Every structure is written in C-alpha cells, then in structure tokens.
Amino acid sequence: MKLRLHPILAPFFLVLMVTGGLAFYALVFISLLFHEAGHIFAAKMSGMKVRSCTIMPYGGELRIPDRYAYGKRQRVAVAIGGPAATAILLLLSMLFDFPGDEQFMRIQLVILALNLLPILPLDGGQAISAMLEKEERKYKMRAAFLVFSITVLLAVSLLLLLGLPKTVLLLALALFLLFQNISAFKFRKYEQAYEQLKRKQLTP
C-alpha cells in the first residue's frame, strides 16, 4: 500500500505553520495519519484491499479497487473507521494530561465534526450514501447524493466568502471538496460503465 500526500496540503500546512507554529502543524498531521489508520484497519478487517492512501486536509482518501462491488456493511465500516480512530484520540486526550492536550483535543473535535458531515466525500456522506443505496437504483442514488453535496458546498463557499480573510482556510477546503464532487459527478457514467463491465466479466 502506498501513502501519499495531496499537493493541497502544502499551502494548507504552510498557513498552519505560520499561524499556529510547528507544534500545532505536527499535531494536525499526526491526527490525520491516525484518522486514516482507522480507515485502513477497518478496510483490512472487512476484507477490502487498499491500494493507496492519500492524506487530505480533512482526513484522507483510500484507493480501493472495485470499492462499490463490496457490500454495504463493509463500506459503512470503512467510512466510520476514521471517525472511530479520531474519537479514540479525543477520549485519550480527555482522560490523560499531557503538554498541549487542550489544543490536541480541539484538533480531534474539528476533524471528527468535519468528517461526520453528511456530504461527500467526507465519512458521514460515505456512510449515509452506502446505507441508502439499493441495488436496483444505486447509480441514481449516488448521483443524487453528489448533487446534494455539490449544492451544500456551493452554498457554504458563498457564505465563507463573506468572512474573508478569516475564513480563507475553510473556504479553500470547501472549494476543494466542491471540485472533488463535481469531478465525481462528471465521471459517474464512466464509473458505472466500468462497474457493469467488471460484473459481466465476473459472471460465468
């Protein structure tokens, strides 16, 4: 399995280093890695093969070949694996005293709250999308959820514009998620065709 860092992390972490210091930067990075470790552990336990993991500002993105060929329970388990890992870190920061524990606790709260939002590609959106899917109309449901996520992120981006420059990091994150959803929506038919072709090849 390959571990990658998304290029958007460079300016994101640069701002964190300037505004929050190197220690804060390190805490955020460690928290993101632990969050993704939760996803990877859940994927392994569910029998899913992880090809790569790309660390994003909000968590990460696992590349799992034929992800949608797996069952609902497996995909939901993988989706909540990251928030579960973050929740463990949050609990540990509440139970034990150590230098910077309050800052560490706030980081976990932000990562947890962000990833539980019911929009794609965040973990909350992934879990809800998987639970709502029905085999006979799963492609329509997936497209509808992408449209919902795009609409919400567009509205949030417009609201964050009003708070500039204080909201610059949040705006960058919202726009990044927005473009991810737009890209997924544009290529959904190719993904659908690939899944159907793969299924035919596996059918005796």
C-alpha atoms as a PDB file:
ATOM      1  CA  MET A   1       0.000   0.000   0.000  1.00  0.00           C
ATOM      2  CA  LYS A   2       1.299   3.453  -0.948  1.00  0.00           C
ATOM      3  CA  LEU A   3       0.964   6.504   1.297  1.00  0.00           C
ATOM      4  CA  ARG A   4       0.704   9.848  -0.498  1.00  0.00           C
ATOM      5  CA  LEU A   5       0.298  13.488   0.476  1.00  0.00           C
ATOM      6  CA  HIS A   6      -2.096  15.560  -1.633  1.00  0.00           C
ATOM      7  CA  PRO A   7      -0.468  18.729  -3.086  1.00  0.00           C
ATOM      8  CA  ILE A   8      -3.144  20.891  -1.414  1.00  0.00           C
ATOM      9  CA  LEU A   9      -1.534  20.051   1.929  1.00  0.00           C
ATOM     10  CA  ALA A  10       1.497  22.220   1.117  1.00  0.00           C
ATOM     11  CA  PRO A  11      -0.245  25.632   1.290  1.00  0.00           C
ATOM     12  CA  PHE A  12      -2.621  24.369   3.987  1.00  0.00           C
ATOM     13  CA  PHE A  13       0.201  23.331   6.303  1.00  0.00           C
ATOM     14  CA  LEU A  14       2.239  26.416   5.405  1.00  0.00           C
ATOM     15  CA  VAL A  15      -0.549  28.612   6.763  1.00  0.00           C
ATOM     16  CA  LEU A  16      -0.781  26.400   9.880  1.00  0.00           C
ATOM     17  CA  MET A  17       2.956  26.680  10.469  1.00  0.00           C
ATOM     18  CA  VAL A  18       2.876  30.468  10.152  1.00  0.00           C
ATOM     19  CA  THR A  19      -0.240  30.989  12.277  1.00  0.00           C
ATOM     20  CA  GLY A  20      -0.116  28.111  14.709  1.00  0.00           C
ATOM     21  CA  GLY A  21       3.511  27.091  14.942  1.00  0.00           C
ATOM     22  CA  LEU A  22       5.387  23.906  14.172  1.00  0.00           C
ATOM     23  CA  ALA A  23       3.949  22.027  17.179  1.00  0.00           C
ATOM     24  CA  PHE A  24       0.380  22.666  16.004  1.00  0.00           C
ATOM     25  CA  TYR A  25       1.324  21.555  12.485  1.00  0.00           C
ATOM     26  CA  ALA A  26       2.765  18.302  13.888  1.00  0.00           C
ATOM     27  CA  LEU A  27      -0.363  17.616  15.971  1.00  0.00           C
ATOM     28  CA  VAL A  28      -2.641  18.102  12.958  1.00  0.00           C
ATOM     29  CA  PHE A  29      -0.518  15.844  10.760  1.00  0.00           C
ATOM     30  CA  ILE A  30      -0.345  13.066  13.377  1.00  0.00           C
ATOM     31  CA  SER A  31      -4.100  13.327  13.899  1.00  0.00           C
ATOM     32  CA  LEU A  32      -4.764  12.972  10.163  1.00  0.00           C
ATOM     33  CA  LEU A  33      -2.472   9.942   9.934  1.00  0.00           C
ATOM     34  CA  PHE A  34      -4.217   8.259  12.879  1.00  0.00           C
ATOM     35  CA  HIS A  35      -7.609   9.022  11.341  1.00  0.00           C
ATOM     36  CA  GLU A  36      -6.573   7.297   8.123  1.00  0.00           C
ATOM     37  CA  ALA A  37      -5.094   4.382  10.046  1.00  0.00           C
ATOM     38  CA  GLY A  38      -8.618   3.810  11.364  1.00  0.00           C
ATOM     39  CA  HIS A  39      -9.978   3.605   7.814  1.00  0.00           C
ATOM     40  CA  ILE A  40      -7.201   1.252   6.719  1.00  0.00           C
ATOM     41  CA  PHE A  41      -7.712  -1.025   9.734  1.00  0.00           C
ATOM     42  CA  ALA A  42     -11.469  -1.174   9.060  1.00  0.00           C
ATOM     43  CA  ALA A  43     -10.834  -1.944   5.385  1.00  0.00           C
ATOM     44  CA  LYS A  44      -8.424  -4.769   6.247  1.00  0.00           C
ATOM     45  CA  MET A  45     -10.870  -6.215   8.783  1.00  0.00           C
ATOM     46  CA  SER A  46     -13.642  -6.053   6.143  1.00  0.00           C
ATOM     47  CA  GLY A  47     -11.569  -7.928   3.588  1.00  0.00           C
ATOM     48  CA  MET A  48     -11.053  -4.929   1.323  1.00  0.00           C
ATOM     49  CA  LYS A  49      -7.744  -4.384  -0.439  1.00  0.00           C
ATOM     50  CA  VAL A  50      -6.318  -0.878  -0.067  1.00  0.00           C
ATOM     51  CA  ARG A  51      -4.044   0.124  -2.940  1.00  0.00           C
ATOM     52  CA  SER A  52      -3.080   3.580  -1.670  1.00  0.00           C
ATOM     53  CA  CYS A  53      -3.929   6.238   0.901  1.00  0.00           C
ATOM     54  CA  THR A  54      -3.737   9.944   0.079  1.00  0.00           C
ATOM     55  CA  ILE A  55      -3.686  12.317   3.056  1.00  0.00           C
ATOM     56  CA  MET A  56      -6.029  15.301   2.615  1.00  0.00           C
ATOM     57  CA  PRO A  57      -6.634  18.359   4.849  1.00  0.00           C
ATOM     58  CA  TYR A  58      -9.808  16.755   6.251  1.00  0.00           C
ATOM     59  CA  GLY A  59      -8.510  13.189   6.556  1.00  0.00           C
ATOM     60  CA  GLY A  60      -7.678  11.154   3.521  1.00  0.00           C
ATOM     61  CA  GLU A  61      -8.806   9.131   0.564  1.00  0.00           C
ATOM     62  CA  LEU A  62      -8.347   5.394   0.228  1.00  0.00           C
ATOM     63  CA  ARG A  63      -7.979   3.872  -3.199  1.00  0.00           C
ATOM     64  CA  ILE A  64      -9.808   0.553  -3.061  1.00  0.00           C
ATOM     65  CA  PRO A  65     -10.166  -1.291  -6.394  1.00  0.00           C
ATOM     66  CA  ASP A  66     -13.823  -2.100  -7.163  1.00  0.00           C
ATOM     67  CA  ARG A  67     -14.939  -0.336  -3.980  1.00  0.00           C
ATOM     68  CA  TYR A  68     -18.629  -0.408  -4.956  1.00  0.00           C
ATOM     69  CA  ALA A  69     -18.561  -4.152  -5.567  1.00  0.00           C
ATOM     70  CA  TYR A  70     -18.303  -4.673  -1.802  1.00  0.00           C
ATOM     71  CA  GLY A  71     -21.366  -4.861   0.423  1.00  0.00           C
ATOM     72  CA  LYS A  72     -22.996  -2.023   2.352  1.00  0.00           C
ATOM     73  CA  ARG A  73     -21.721  -3.176   5.736  1.00  0.00           C
ATOM     74  CA  GLN A  74     -18.145  -3.283   4.527  1.00  0.00           C
ATOM     75  CA  ARG A  75     -18.278   0.224   3.043  1.00  0.00           C
ATOM     76  CA  VAL A  76     -20.043   1.661   6.100  1.00  0.00           C
ATOM     77  CA  ALA A  77     -17.434   0.036   8.358  1.00  0.00           C
ATOM     78  CA  VAL A  78     -14.621   1.635   6.351  1.00  0.00           C
ATOM     79  CA  ALA A  79     -16.370   5.027   6.398  1.00  0.00           C
ATOM     80  CA  ILE A  80     -16.740   5.084  10.191  1.00  0.00           C
ATOM     81  CA  GLY A  81     -13.288   3.613  10.837  1.00  0.00           C
ATOM     82  CA  GLY A  82     -11.629   7.032  10.572  1.00  0.00           C
ATOM     83  CA  PRO A  83     -14.037   8.893  12.901  1.00  0.00           C
ATOM     84  CA  ALA A  84     -13.780   5.974  15.347  1.00  0.00           C
ATOM     85  CA  ALA A  85      -9.990   6.359  15.436  1.00  0.00           C
ATOM     86  CA  THR A  86     -10.321  10.124  15.927  1.00  0.00           C
ATOM     87  CA  ALA A  87     -12.864   9.534  18.711  1.00  0.00           C
ATOM     88  CA  ILE A  88     -10.317   7.274  20.450  1.00  0.00           C
ATOM     89  CA  LEU A  89      -7.697  10.049  20.298  1.00  0.00           C
ATOM     90  CA  LEU A  90     -10.261  12.523  21.625  1.00  0.00           C
ATOM     91  CA  LEU A  91     -11.108  10.203  24.526  1.00  0.00           C
ATOM     92  CA  LEU A  92      -7.419   9.713  25.360  1.00  0.00           C
ATOM     93  CA  SER A  93      -6.864  13.480  25.369  1.00  0.00           C
ATOM     94  CA  MET A  94      -9.745  13.827  27.832  1.00  0.00           C
ATOM     95  CA  LEU A  95      -8.524  11.056  30.151  1.00  0.00           C
ATOM     96  CA  PHE A  96      -4.816  11.870  30.300  1.00  0.00           C
ATOM     97  CA  ASP A  97      -2.960  15.107  30.948  1.00  0.00           C
ATOM     98  CA  PHE A  98      -0.006  15.931  28.689  1.00  0.00           C
ATOM     99  CA  PRO A  99       1.541  19.112  27.225  1.00  0.00           C
ATOM    100  CA  GLY A 100      -0.748  20.662  24.623  1.00  0.00           C
ATOM    101  CA  ASP A 101      -3.668  18.350  25.433  1.00  0.00           C
ATOM    102  CA  GLU A 102      -6.287  21.112  25.089  1.00  0.00           C
ATOM    103  CA  GLN A 103      -5.026  22.020  21.622  1.00  0.00           C
ATOM    104  CA  PHE A 104      -4.854  18.335  20.703  1.00  0.00           C
ATOM    105  CA  MET A 105      -8.439  17.882  21.903  1.00  0.00           C
ATOM    106  CA  ARG A 106      -9.665  20.778  19.756  1.00  0.00           C
ATOM    107  CA  ILE A 107      -7.959  19.305  16.687  1.00  0.00           C
ATOM    108  CA  GLN A 108      -9.725  15.965  17.213  1.00  0.00           C
ATOM    109  CA  LEU A 109     -13.076  17.716  17.676  1.00  0.00           C
ATOM    110  CA  VAL A 110     -12.634  19.635  14.410  1.00  0.00           C
ATOM    111  CA  ILE A 111     -11.570  16.535  12.433  1.00  0.00           C
ATOM    112  CA  LEU A 112     -14.408  14.476  13.937  1.00  0.00           C
ATOM    113  CA  ALA A 113     -17.089  17.123  13.383  1.00  0.00           C
ATOM    114  CA  LEU A 114     -15.917  17.820   9.829  1.00  0.00           C
ATOM    115  CA  ASN A 115     -15.833  14.172   8.787  1.00  0.00           C
ATOM    116  CA  LEU A 116     -19.254  13.376  10.229  1.00  0.00           C
ATOM    117  CA  LEU A 117     -20.924  15.978   7.990  1.00  0.00           C
ATOM    118  CA  PRO A 118     -23.404  14.207   5.660  1.00  0.00           C
ATOM    119  CA  ILE A 119     -21.740  15.277   2.412  1.00  0.00           C
ATOM    120  CA  LEU A 120     -19.391  13.508   0.019  1.00  0.00           C
ATOM    121  CA  PRO A 121     -16.542  12.654   0.071  1.00  0.00           C
ATOM    122  CA  LEU A 122     -16.499  13.032   3.868  1.00  0.00           C
ATOM    123  CA  ASP A 123     -17.000   9.967   6.046  1.00  0.00           C
ATOM    124  CA  GLY A 124     -20.533  10.888   7.098  1.00  0.00           C
ATOM    125  CA  GLY A 125     -21.539  11.245   3.451  1.00  0.00           C
ATOM    126  CA  GLN A 126     -19.837   7.963   2.525  1.00  0.00           C
ATOM    127  CA  ALA A 127     -21.656   6.085   5.288  1.00  0.00           C
ATOM    128  CA  ILE A 128     -25.085   7.560   4.523  1.00  0.00           C
ATOM    129  CA  SER A 129     -24.614   7.073   0.777  1.00  0.00           C
ATOM    130  CA  ALA A 130     -23.794   3.378   1.312  1.00  0.00           C
ATOM    131  CA  MET A 131     -26.734   2.843   3.695  1.00  0.00           C
ATOM    132  CA  LEU A 132     -29.252   4.469   1.343  1.00  0.00           C
ATOM    133  CA  GLU A 133     -28.141   2.527  -1.718  1.00  0.00           C
ATOM    134  CA  LYS A 134     -30.444  -0.069  -3.212  1.00  0.00           C
ATOM    135  CA  GLU A 135     -29.135  -2.375  -5.903  1.00  0.00           C
ATOM    136  CA  GLU A 136     -31.818  -1.529  -8.457  1.00  0.00           C
ATOM    137  CA  ARG A 137     -31.213   2.225  -8.288  1.00  0.00           C
ATOM    138  CA  LYS A 138     -27.822   2.642  -6.668  1.00  0.00           C
ATOM    139  CA  TYR A 139     -26.391   4.704  -9.553  1.00  0.00           C
ATOM    140  CA  LYS A 140     -29.279   7.193  -9.373  1.00  0.00           C
ATOM    141  CA  MET A 141     -28.945   7.415  -5.590  1.00  0.00           C
ATOM    142  CA  ARG A 142     -25.202   8.012  -5.864  1.00  0.00           C
ATOM    143  CA  ALA A 143     -25.732  10.767  -8.460  1.00  0.00           C
ATOM    144  CA  ALA A 144     -28.453  12.379  -6.325  1.00  0.00           C
ATOM    145  CA  PHE A 145     -26.187  12.417  -3.277  1.00  0.00           C
ATOM    146  CA  LEU A 146     -23.404  14.007  -5.323  1.00  0.00           C
ATOM    147  CA  VAL A 147     -25.808  16.753  -6.439  1.00  0.00           C
ATOM    148  CA  PHE A 148     -26.848  17.297  -2.813  1.00  0.00           C
ATOM    149  CA  SER A 149     -23.195  17.562  -1.724  1.00  0.00           C
ATOM    150  CA  ILE A 150     -22.390  19.991  -4.554  1.00  0.00           C
ATOM    151  CA  THR A 151     -25.348  22.209  -3.625  1.00  0.00           C
ATOM    152  CA  VAL A 152     -24.430  22.299   0.072  1.00  0.00           C
ATOM    153  CA  LEU A 153     -20.749  23.003  -0.601  1.00  0.00           C
ATOM    154  CA  LEU A 154     -21.586  25.749  -3.093  1.00  0.00           C
ATOM    155  CA  ALA A 155     -23.814  27.457  -0.516  1.00  0.00           C
ATOM    156  CA  VAL A 156     -21.155  27.079   2.203  1.00  0.00           C
ATOM    157  CA  SER A 157     -18.463  28.501  -0.100  1.00  0.00           C
ATOM    158  CA  LEU A 158     -20.572  31.565  -0.841  1.00  0.00           C
ATOM    159  CA  LEU A 159     -21.159  32.133   2.878  1.00  0.00           C
ATOM    160  CA  LEU A 160     -17.449  31.749   3.658  1.00  0.00           C
ATOM    161  CA  LEU A 161     -16.626  34.390   1.044  1.00  0.00           C
ATOM    162  CA  LEU A 162     -18.352  36.923   3.296  1.00  0.00           C
ATOM    163  CA  GLY A 163     -15.921  36.208   6.110  1.00  0.00           C
ATOM    164  CA  LEU A 164     -12.655  36.638   4.216  1.00  0.00           C
ATOM    165  CA  PRO A 165      -9.781  36.803   5.098  1.00  0.00           C
ATOM    166  CA  LYS A 166     -10.529  34.978   8.381  1.00  0.00           C
ATOM    167  CA  THR A 167     -12.257  32.114   6.580  1.00  0.00           C
ATOM    168  CA  VAL A 168      -9.572  31.544   3.925  1.00  0.00           C
ATOM    169  CA  LEU A 169      -8.633  28.017   5.110  1.00  0.00           C
ATOM    170  CA  LEU A 170     -12.248  26.906   5.448  1.00  0.00           C
ATOM    171  CA  LEU A 171     -13.058  28.390   2.031  1.00  0.00           C
ATOM    172  CA  ALA A 172     -10.116  26.565   0.436  1.00  0.00           C
ATOM    173  CA  LEU A 173     -11.289  23.298   1.991  1.00  0.00           C
ATOM    174  CA  ALA A 174     -14.904  23.846   0.908  1.00  0.00           C
ATOM    175  CA  LEU A 175     -13.845  24.628  -2.675  1.00  0.00           C
ATOM    176  CA  PHE A 176     -11.556  21.587  -2.734  1.00  0.00           C
ATOM    177  CA  LEU A 177     -14.438  19.330  -1.654  1.00  0.00           C
ATOM    178  CA  LEU A 178     -16.744  21.049  -4.147  1.00  0.00           C
ATOM    179  CA  PHE A 179     -14.418  20.361  -7.081  1.00  0.00           C
ATOM    180  CA  GLN A 180     -13.979  16.760  -5.921  1.00  0.00           C
ATOM    181  CA  ASN A 181     -17.748  16.251  -6.057  1.00  0.00           C
ATOM    182  CA  ILE A 182     -18.090  17.980  -9.422  1.00  0.00           C
ATOM    183  CA  SER A 183     -15.356  15.737 -10.836  1.00  0.00           C
ATOM    184  CA  ALA A 184     -17.032  12.615  -9.404  1.00  0.00           C
ATOM    185  CA  PHE A 185     -20.380  13.704 -10.878  1.00  0.00           C
ATOM    186  CA  LYS A 186     -18.857  14.310 -14.325  1.00  0.00           C
ATOM    187  CA  PHE A 187     -17.196  10.887 -14.416  1.00  0.00           C
ATOM    188  CA  ARG A 188     -20.026   8.917 -12.760  1.00  0.00           C
ATOM    189  CA  LYS A 189     -21.187   7.364 -16.070  1.00  0.00           C
ATOM    190  CA  TYR A 190     -17.697   6.070 -16.845  1.00  0.00           C
ATOM    191  CA  GLU A 191     -17.519   4.580 -13.363  1.00  0.00           C
ATOM    192  CA  GLN A 192     -20.931   2.984 -13.849  1.00  0.00           C
ATOM    193  CA  ALA A 193     -19.906   1.506 -17.206  1.00  0.00           C
ATOM    194  CA  TYR A 194     -16.694   0.141 -15.685  1.00  0.00           C
ATOM    195  CA  GLU A 195     -18.580  -1.478 -12.797  1.00  0.00           C
ATOM    196  CA  GLN A 196     -21.098  -3.107 -15.148  1.00  0.00           C
ATOM    197  CA  LEU A 197     -18.314  -4.376 -17.430  1.00  0.00           C
ATOM    198  CA  LYS A 198     -16.402  -5.771 -14.473  1.00  0.00           C
ATOM    199  CA  ARG A 199     -19.543  -7.511 -13.228  1.00  0.00           C
ATOM    200  CA  LYS A 200     -20.131  -9.123 -16.620  1.00  0.00           C
ATOM    201  CA  GLN A 201     -16.560 -10.419 -16.693  1.00  0.00           C
ATOM    202  CA  LEU A 202     -17.005 -11.992 -13.261  1.00  0.00           C
ATOM    203  CA  THR A 203     -20.349 -13.566 -14.174  1.00  0.00           C
ATOM    204  CA  PRO A 204     -19.854 -17.124 -15.505  1.00  0.00           C
END
